[in-house]
Amino acid sequence: MANKTKRVVHNQLKELFKKYAFIISNHARIRMFQRNISTEDIRQVVLLGEIIEDYPEDEPCPSALFLGFTEGRPCHAVVAQCEDHARVITVYIPEKDKWIDYRIRKD
């Protein structure tokens, strides 16, 4: 079933993260290890950060790209909002030459 009109709702995602109702994908776990990003870093990105891109057509759940800062460094996280939990898809440190203020992709 397509999620073409469903979007991530930041406040609902925050509530899921406050309750630790989230799953970290295997891909994201590998990236976390490679990039020295902790689970708490990801929580802070979602709880205190902002949505900078929206992916309402992602399956099986709509997702969004978050920007947050952990210990002064920028961090991006792609997070899906499913029915009763959130799913962390990937996390990375954005490259300065590919982003404007880490918020807008350079063409």
Foldseek 3Di string as FASTA:
>chain_A
DWQQPDWDDLVVQLVQLVVVQEAEDPQAVVQCVVAVNDPVNVNCQSNPWDFQAWARGDPPFTWTWTWDADPRFIKIWIWGDDDRGIYTHHMDGDDPVQDDVNRHGDD
